[in-house]
PDB file of all heavy atoms in Angstrom:
ATOM      1  N   LYS A   1     -19.829 -11.956  -5.249  1.00  0.00           N
ATOM      2  CA  LYS A   1     -19.837 -10.926  -4.259  1.00  0.00           C
ATOM      3  C   LYS A   1     -19.126  -9.647  -4.835  1.00  0.00           C
ATOM      4  O   LYS A   1     -17.913  -9.566  -4.889  1.00  0.00           O
ATOM      5  CB  LYS A   1     -19.125 -11.455  -2.934  1.00  0.00           C
ATOM      6  CG  LYS A   1     -19.723 -12.703  -2.353  1.00  0.00           C
ATOM      7  CD  LYS A   1     -21.187 -12.403  -2.066  1.00  0.00           C
ATOM      8  CE  LYS A   1     -21.762 -13.751  -1.435  1.00  0.00           C
ATOM      9  NZ  LYS A   1     -23.118 -13.955  -1.669  1.00  0.00           N
ATOM     10  N   ARG A   2     -19.877  -8.730  -5.143  1.00  0.00           N
ATOM     11  CA  ARG A   2     -19.441  -7.372  -5.580  1.00  0.00           C
ATOM     12  C   ARG A   2     -19.064  -6.421  -4.497  1.00  0.00           C
ATOM     13  O   ARG A   2     -19.667  -6.667  -3.351  1.00  0.00           O
ATOM     14  CB  ARG A   2     -20.542  -6.777  -6.466  1.00  0.00           C
ATOM     15  CG  ARG A   2     -20.982  -7.621  -7.611  1.00  0.00           C
ATOM     16  CD  ARG A   2     -20.430  -7.078  -8.894  1.00  0.00           C
ATOM     17  NE  ARG A   2     -20.995  -7.907 -10.008  1.00  0.00           N
ATOM     18  CZ  ARG A   2     -20.461  -8.675 -10.787  1.00  0.00           C
ATOM     19  NH1 ARG A   2     -19.023  -8.744 -10.631  1.00  0.00           N
ATOM     20  NH2 ARG A   2     -20.933  -9.305 -11.804  1.00  0.00           N
ATOM     21  N   PRO A   3     -18.174  -5.581  -4.625  1.00  0.00           N
ATOM     22  CA  PRO A   3     -17.826  -4.647  -3.626  1.00  0.00           C
ATOM     23  C   PRO A   3     -19.028  -3.692  -3.378  1.00  0.00           C
ATOM     24  O   PRO A   3     -19.833  -3.385  -4.143  1.00  0.00           O
ATOM     25  CB  PRO A   3     -16.626  -3.762  -4.180  1.00  0.00           C
ATOM     26  CG  PRO A   3     -16.254  -4.490  -5.422  1.00  0.00           C
ATOM     27  CD  PRO A   3     -17.315  -5.353  -5.781  1.00  0.00           C
ATOM     28  N   GLY A   4     -19.149  -3.147  -2.153  1.00  0.00           N
ATOM     29  CA  GLY A   4     -20.177  -2.222  -1.724  1.00  0.00           C
ATOM     30  C   GLY A   4     -20.519  -2.310  -0.242  1.00  0.00           C
ATOM     31  O   GLY A   4     -20.011  -3.281   0.410  1.00  0.00           O
ATOM     32  N   TYR A   5     -21.263  -1.444   0.206  1.00  0.00           N
ATOM     33  CA  TYR A   5     -21.578  -1.378   1.694  1.00  0.00           C
ATOM     34  C   TYR A   5     -22.687  -2.463   1.780  1.00  0.00           C
ATOM     35  O   TYR A   5     -23.636  -2.612   1.103  1.00  0.00           O
ATOM     36  CB  TYR A   5     -22.304  -0.009   2.017  1.00  0.00           C
ATOM     37  CG  TYR A   5     -21.295   1.080   1.996  1.00  0.00           C
ATOM     38  CD1 TYR A   5     -21.259   1.888   0.947  1.00  0.00           C
ATOM     39  CD2 TYR A   5     -20.437   1.244   3.047  1.00  0.00           C
ATOM     40  CE1 TYR A   5     -20.325   2.901   0.897  1.00  0.00           C
ATOM     41  CE2 TYR A   5     -19.535   2.381   3.036  1.00  0.00           C
ATOM     42  CZ  TYR A   5     -19.451   3.140   2.029  1.00  0.00           C
ATOM     43  OH  TYR A   5     -18.603   4.197   1.933  1.00  0.00           O
ATOM     44  N   THR A   6     -22.520  -3.291   2.818  1.00  0.00           N
ATOM     45  CA  THR A   6     -23.336  -4.496   3.011  1.00  0.00           C
ATOM     46  C   THR A   6     -24.239  -4.410   4.134  1.00  0.00           C
ATOM     47  O   THR A   6     -25.308  -5.002   4.174  1.00  0.00           O
ATOM     48  CB  THR A   6     -22.509  -5.821   3.290  1.00  0.00           C
ATOM     49  OG1 THR A   6     -21.685  -5.618   4.352  1.00  0.00           O
ATOM     50  CG2 THR A   6     -21.561  -6.104   2.024  1.00  0.00           C
ATOM     51  N   HIS A   7     -24.023  -3.481   5.111  1.00  0.00           N
ATOM     52  CA  HIS A   7     -24.971  -3.344   6.260  1.00  0.00           C
ATOM     53  C   HIS A   7     -24.628  -2.127   7.062  1.00  0.00           C
ATOM     54  O   HIS A   7     -23.488  -1.613   7.056  1.00  0.00           O
ATOM     55  CB  HIS A   7     -25.113  -4.573   7.084  1.00  0.00           C
ATOM     56  CG  HIS A   7     -23.806  -4.783   7.807  1.00  0.00           C
ATOM     57  ND1 HIS A   7     -22.728  -5.513   7.286  1.00  0.00           N
ATOM     58  CD2 HIS A   7     -23.403  -4.693   9.117  1.00  0.00           C
ATOM     59  CE1 HIS A   7     -21.743  -5.650   8.161  1.00  0.00           C
ATOM     60  NE2 HIS A   7     -22.082  -5.090   9.177  1.00  0.00           N
ATOM     61  N   ALA A   8     -25.521  -1.746   7.795  1.00  0.00           N
ATOM     62  CA  ALA A   8     -25.388  -0.687   8.902  1.00  0.00           C
ATOM     63  C   ALA A   8     -25.477  -1.343  10.242  1.00  0.00           C
ATOM     64  O   ALA A   8     -26.264  -2.353  10.364  1.00  0.00           O
ATOM     65  CB  ALA A   8     -26.427   0.318   8.930  1.00  0.00           C
ATOM     66  N   ALA A   9     -24.709  -1.074  11.235  1.00  0.00           N
ATOM     67  CA  ALA A   9     -24.617  -1.669  12.502  1.00  0.00           C
ATOM     68  C   ALA A   9     -24.989  -0.717  13.578  1.00  0.00           C
ATOM     69  O   ALA A   9     -24.558   0.413  13.581  1.00  0.00           O
ATOM     70  CB  ALA A   9     -23.276  -2.263  12.835  1.00  0.00           C
ATOM     71  N   PHE A  10     -25.938  -1.102  14.527  1.00  0.00           N
ATOM     72  CA  PHE A  10     -26.377  -0.296  15.734  1.00  0.00           C
ATOM     73  C   PHE A  10     -26.078  -0.961  16.901  1.00  0.00           C
ATOM     74  O   PHE A  10     -26.114  -2.127  17.027  1.00  0.00           O
ATOM     75  CB  PHE A  10     -28.031  -0.037  15.423  1.00  0.00           C
ATOM     76  CG  PHE A  10     -28.344   0.486  14.117  1.00  0.00           C
ATOM     77  CD1 PHE A  10     -28.674  -0.404  13.065  1.00  0.00           C
ATOM     78  CD2 PHE A  10     -28.245   1.890  13.852  1.00  0.00           C
ATOM     79  CE1 PHE A  10     -29.012   0.160  11.870  1.00  0.00           C
ATOM     80  CE2 PHE A  10     -28.678   2.402  12.669  1.00  0.00           C
ATOM     81  CZ  PHE A  10     -29.044   1.551  11.567  1.00  0.00           C
ATOM     82  N   ILE A  11     -26.021  -0.043  17.912  1.00  0.00           N
ATOM     83  CA  ILE A  11     -25.785  -0.616  19.324  1.00  0.00           C
ATOM     84  C   ILE A  11     -27.089  -0.475  20.142  1.00  0.00           C
ATOM     85  O   ILE A  11     -27.774   0.556  20.051  1.00  0.00           O
ATOM     86  CB  ILE A  11     -24.665   0.300  19.978  1.00  0.00           C
ATOM     87  CG1 ILE A  11     -23.323   0.051  19.300  1.00  0.00           C
ATOM     88  CG2 ILE A  11     -24.582  -0.135  21.453  1.00  0.00           C
ATOM     89  CD1 ILE A  11     -22.223   0.967  19.744  1.00  0.00           C
ATOM     90  N   VAL A  12     -27.316  -1.533  20.857  1.00  0.00           N
ATOM     91  CA  VAL A  12     -28.545  -1.582  21.715  1.00  0.00           C
ATOM     92  C   VAL A  12     -28.195  -1.853  23.134  1.00  0.00           C
ATOM     93  O   VAL A  12     -27.115  -2.379  23.271  1.00  0.00           O
ATOM     94  CB  VAL A  12     -29.699  -2.534  21.281  1.00  0.00           C
ATOM     95  CG1 VAL A  12     -30.219  -2.208  19.742  1.00  0.00           C
ATOM     96  CG2 VAL A  12     -29.192  -4.002  21.193  1.00  0.00           C
ATOM     97  N   ASP A  13     -29.065  -1.417  24.054  1.00  0.00           N
ATOM     98  CA  ASP A  13     -28.638  -1.689  25.433  1.00  0.00           C
ATOM     99  C   ASP A  13     -28.852  -3.150  25.843  1.00  0.00           C
ATOM    100  O   ASP A  13     -28.135  -3.688  26.692  1.00  0.00           O
ATOM    101  CB  ASP A  13     -29.674  -0.851  26.351  1.00  0.00           C
ATOM    102  CG  ASP A  13     -29.253   0.622  26.320  1.00  0.00           C
ATOM    103  OD1 ASP A  13     -28.095   0.925  25.994  1.00  0.00           O
ATOM    104  OD2 ASP A  13     -30.285   1.383  26.542  1.00  0.00           O
ATOM    105  N   SER A  14     -29.893  -3.792  25.304  1.00  0.00           N
ATOM    106  CA  SER A  14     -30.146  -5.243  25.698  1.00  0.00           C
ATOM    107  C   SER A  14     -30.533  -6.014  24.446  1.00  0.00           C
ATOM    108  O   SER A  14     -31.592  -5.703  23.862  1.00  0.00           O
ATOM    109  CB  SER A  14     -31.276  -5.238  26.673  1.00  0.00           C
ATOM    110  OG  SER A  14     -31.725  -6.545  26.849  1.00  0.00           O
ATOM    111  N   MET A  15     -29.725  -6.941  24.294  1.00  0.00           N
ATOM    112  CA  MET A  15     -29.936  -7.988  23.172  1.00  0.00           C
ATOM    113  C   MET A  15     -31.272  -8.734  23.393  1.00  0.00           C
ATOM    114  O   MET A  15     -32.135  -8.985  22.459  1.00  0.00           O
ATOM    115  CB  MET A  15     -28.801  -8.952  22.883  1.00  0.00           C
ATOM    116  CG  MET A  15     -28.828  -9.679  21.599  1.00  0.00           C
ATOM    117  SD  MET A  15     -29.050  -8.682  20.182  1.00  0.00           S
ATOM    118  CE  MET A  15     -27.488  -7.694  20.179  1.00  0.00           C
ATOM    119  N   ASP A  16     -31.386  -9.178  24.562  1.00  0.00           N
ATOM    120  CA  ASP A  16     -32.542 -10.003  24.954  1.00  0.00           C
ATOM    121  C   ASP A  16     -33.885  -9.179  24.683  1.00  0.00           C
ATOM    122  O   ASP A  16     -34.845  -9.732  24.122  1.00  0.00           O
ATOM    123  CB  ASP A  16     -32.586 -10.383  26.392  1.00  0.00           C
ATOM    124  CG  ASP A  16     -31.382 -11.419  26.718  1.00  0.00           C
ATOM    125  OD1 ASP A  16     -31.032 -12.086  25.710  1.00  0.00           O
ATOM    126  OD2 ASP A  16     -30.835 -11.489  27.875  1.00  0.00           O
ATOM    127  N   GLU A  17     -33.844  -7.936  25.113  1.00  0.00           N
ATOM    128  CA  GLU A  17     -35.099  -7.008  24.870  1.00  0.00           C
ATOM    129  C   GLU A  17     -35.247  -6.854  23.345  1.00  0.00           C
ATOM    130  O   GLU A  17     -36.430  -6.905  22.878  1.00  0.00           O
ATOM    131  CB  GLU A  17     -34.891  -5.702  25.630  1.00  0.00           C
ATOM    132  CG  GLU A  17     -35.012  -5.780  27.064  1.00  0.00           C
ATOM    133  CD  GLU A  17     -34.836  -4.528  27.807  1.00  0.00           C
ATOM    134  OE1 GLU A  17     -35.076  -3.416  27.148  1.00  0.00           O
ATOM    135  OE2 GLU A  17     -34.527  -4.460  28.867  1.00  0.00           O
ATOM    136  N   LEU A  18     -34.163  -6.698  22.714  1.00  0.00           N
ATOM    137  CA  LEU A  18     -34.365  -6.548  21.153  1.00  0.00           C
ATOM    138  C   LEU A  18     -34.891  -7.818  20.566  1.00  0.00           C
ATOM    139  O   LEU A  18     -35.845  -7.762  19.759  1.00  0.00           O
ATOM    140  CB  LEU A  18     -33.006  -6.174  20.535  1.00  0.00           C
ATOM    141  CG  LEU A  18     -32.947  -6.109  19.054  1.00  0.00           C
ATOM    142  CD1 LEU A  18     -33.903  -5.019  18.430  1.00  0.00           C
ATOM    143  CD2 LEU A  18     -31.653  -6.111  18.372  1.00  0.00           C
ATOM    144  N   VAL A  19     -34.464  -9.042  20.998  1.00  0.00           N
ATOM    145  CA  VAL A  19     -34.974 -10.172  20.389  1.00  0.00           C
ATOM    146  C   VAL A  19     -36.421 -10.388  20.666  1.00  0.00           C
ATOM    147  O   VAL A  19     -37.229 -10.782  19.813  1.00  0.00           O
ATOM    148  CB  VAL A  19     -34.161 -11.382  20.894  1.00  0.00           C
ATOM    149  CG1 VAL A  19     -34.819 -12.801  20.613  1.00  0.00           C
ATOM    150  CG2 VAL A  19     -32.712 -11.358  20.423  1.00  0.00           C
ATOM    151  N   GLU A  20     -36.826 -10.055  21.982  1.00  0.00           N
ATOM    152  CA  GLU A  20     -38.294 -10.188  22.344  1.00  0.00           C
ATOM    153  C   GLU A  20     -38.997  -9.084  21.446  1.00  0.00           C
ATOM    154  O   GLU A  20     -40.121  -9.471  20.926  1.00  0.00           O
ATOM    155  CB  GLU A  20     -38.396  -9.736  23.839  1.00  0.00           C
ATOM    156  CG  GLU A  20     -37.907 -10.909  24.685  1.00  0.00           C
ATOM    157  CD  GLU A  20     -37.854 -10.468  26.082  1.00  0.00           C
ATOM    158  OE1 GLU A  20     -38.538  -9.446  26.473  1.00  0.00           O
ATOM    159  OE2 GLU A  20     -37.188 -11.261  26.968  1.00  0.00           O
ATOM    160  N   TRP A  21     -38.554  -7.877  21.225  1.00  0.00           N
ATOM    161  CA  TRP A  21     -39.207  -6.849  20.574  1.00  0.00           C
ATOM    162  C   TRP A  21     -39.370  -7.316  19.031  1.00  0.00           C
ATOM    163  O   TRP A  21     -40.369  -7.220  18.422  1.00  0.00           O
ATOM    164  CB  TRP A  21     -38.510  -5.483  20.463  1.00  0.00           C
ATOM    165  CG  TRP A  21     -39.248  -4.441  19.810  1.00  0.00           C
ATOM    166  CD1 TRP A  21     -40.246  -3.586  20.230  1.00  0.00           C
ATOM    167  CD2 TRP A  21     -38.939  -4.088  18.434  1.00  0.00           C
ATOM    168  NE1 TRP A  21     -40.632  -2.776  19.254  1.00  0.00           N
ATOM    169  CE2 TRP A  21     -39.980  -3.002  18.171  1.00  0.00           C
ATOM    170  CE3 TRP A  21     -38.053  -4.475  17.532  1.00  0.00           C
ATOM    171  CZ2 TRP A  21     -39.905  -2.356  16.972  1.00  0.00           C
ATOM    172  CZ3 TRP A  21     -37.996  -3.823  16.177  1.00  0.00           C
ATOM    173  CH2 TRP A  21     -38.881  -2.786  16.063  1.00  0.00           C
ATOM    174  N   LEU A  22     -38.371  -7.899  18.358  1.00  0.00           N
ATOM    175  CA  LEU A  22     -38.403  -8.313  17.120  1.00  0.00           C
ATOM    176  C   LEU A  22     -39.492  -9.378  16.802  1.00  0.00           C
ATOM    177  O   LEU A  22     -40.180  -9.414  15.942  1.00  0.00           O
ATOM    178  CB  LEU A  22     -36.964  -8.862  16.612  1.00  0.00           C
ATOM    179  CG  LEU A  22     -35.985  -7.793  16.418  1.00  0.00           C
ATOM    180  CD1 LEU A  22     -34.631  -8.518  16.284  1.00  0.00           C
ATOM    181  CD2 LEU A  22     -36.152  -6.833  15.318  1.00  0.00           C
ATOM    182  N   ALA A  23     -39.546 -10.364  17.925  1.00  0.00           N
ATOM    183  CA  ALA A  23     -40.682 -11.413  17.855  1.00  0.00           C
ATOM    184  C   ALA A  23     -42.022 -10.786  17.864  1.00  0.00           C
ATOM    185  O   ALA A  23     -42.890 -11.168  17.139  1.00  0.00           O
ATOM    186  CB  ALA A  23     -40.425 -12.260  19.006  1.00  0.00           C
ATOM    187  N   ARG A  24     -42.185  -9.821  18.795  1.00  0.00           N
ATOM    188  CA  ARG A  24     -43.572  -9.184  18.851  1.00  0.00           C
ATOM    189  C   ARG A  24     -43.921  -8.329  17.602  1.00  0.00           C
ATOM    190  O   ARG A  24     -45.039  -8.383  17.260  1.00  0.00           O
ATOM    191  CB  ARG A  24     -43.575  -8.189  20.130  1.00  0.00           C
ATOM    192  CG  ARG A  24     -43.715  -8.798  21.472  1.00  0.00           C
ATOM    193  CD  ARG A  24     -43.986  -7.736  22.440  1.00  0.00           C
ATOM    194  NE  ARG A  24     -43.217  -6.663  22.574  1.00  0.00           N
ATOM    195  CZ  ARG A  24     -42.035  -6.614  23.274  1.00  0.00           C
ATOM    196  NH1 ARG A  24     -41.627  -7.569  23.890  1.00  0.00           N
ATOM    197  NH2 ARG A  24     -41.270  -5.412  23.141  1.00  0.00           N
ATOM    198  N   GLU A  25     -42.899  -7.904  16.960  1.00  0.00           N
ATOM    199  CA  GLU A  25     -43.144  -7.022  15.712  1.00  0.00           C
ATOM    200  C   GLU A  25     -43.062  -7.892  14.484  1.00  0.00           C
ATOM    201  O   GLU A  25     -43.268  -7.343  13.379  1.00  0.00           O
ATOM    202  CB  GLU A  25     -42.028  -5.931  15.616  1.00  0.00           C
ATOM    203  CG  GLU A  25     -42.096  -4.870  16.700  1.00  0.00           C
ATOM    204  CD  GLU A  25     -43.327  -4.015  16.498  1.00  0.00           C
ATOM    205  OE1 GLU A  25     -43.596  -3.599  15.313  1.00  0.00           O
ATOM    206  OE2 GLU A  25     -44.035  -3.711  17.527  1.00  0.00           O
ATOM    207  N   ASN A  26     -42.921  -9.268  14.589  1.00  0.00           N
ATOM    208  CA  ASN A  26     -42.890 -10.134  13.427  1.00  0.00           C
ATOM    209  C   ASN A  26     -41.754  -9.780  12.470  1.00  0.00           C
ATOM    210  O   ASN A  26     -41.939  -9.797  11.357  1.00  0.00           O
ATOM    211  CB  ASN A  26     -44.181 -10.294  12.758  1.00  0.00           C
ATOM    212  CG  ASN A  26     -45.152 -10.942  13.618  1.00  0.00           C
ATOM    213  OD1 ASN A  26     -44.855 -11.958  14.271  1.00  0.00           O
ATOM    214  ND2 ASN A  26     -46.410 -10.381  13.754  1.00  0.00           N
ATOM    215  N   ILE A  27     -40.619  -9.344  13.096  1.00  0.00           N
ATOM    216  CA  ILE A  27     -39.431  -9.091  12.184  1.00  0.00           C
ATOM    217  C   ILE A  27     -38.519 -10.109  12.276  1.00  0.00           C
ATOM    218  O   ILE A  27     -38.084 -10.453  13.388  1.00  0.00           O
ATOM    219  CB  ILE A  27     -38.843  -7.763  12.618  1.00  0.00           C
ATOM    220  CG1 ILE A  27     -39.727  -6.464  12.488  1.00  0.00           C
ATOM    221  CG2 ILE A  27     -37.449  -7.529  11.820  1.00  0.00           C
ATOM    222  CD1 ILE A  27     -39.305  -5.262  12.965  1.00  0.00           C
TER     223      ILE A  27
END
């Protein structure tokens, strides 16, 4: 595990809606 930026984090209004959208988008 080398040092470095590992991810960006975003805020969403609804996790449930995000999960549904990700499924529809095949992500």
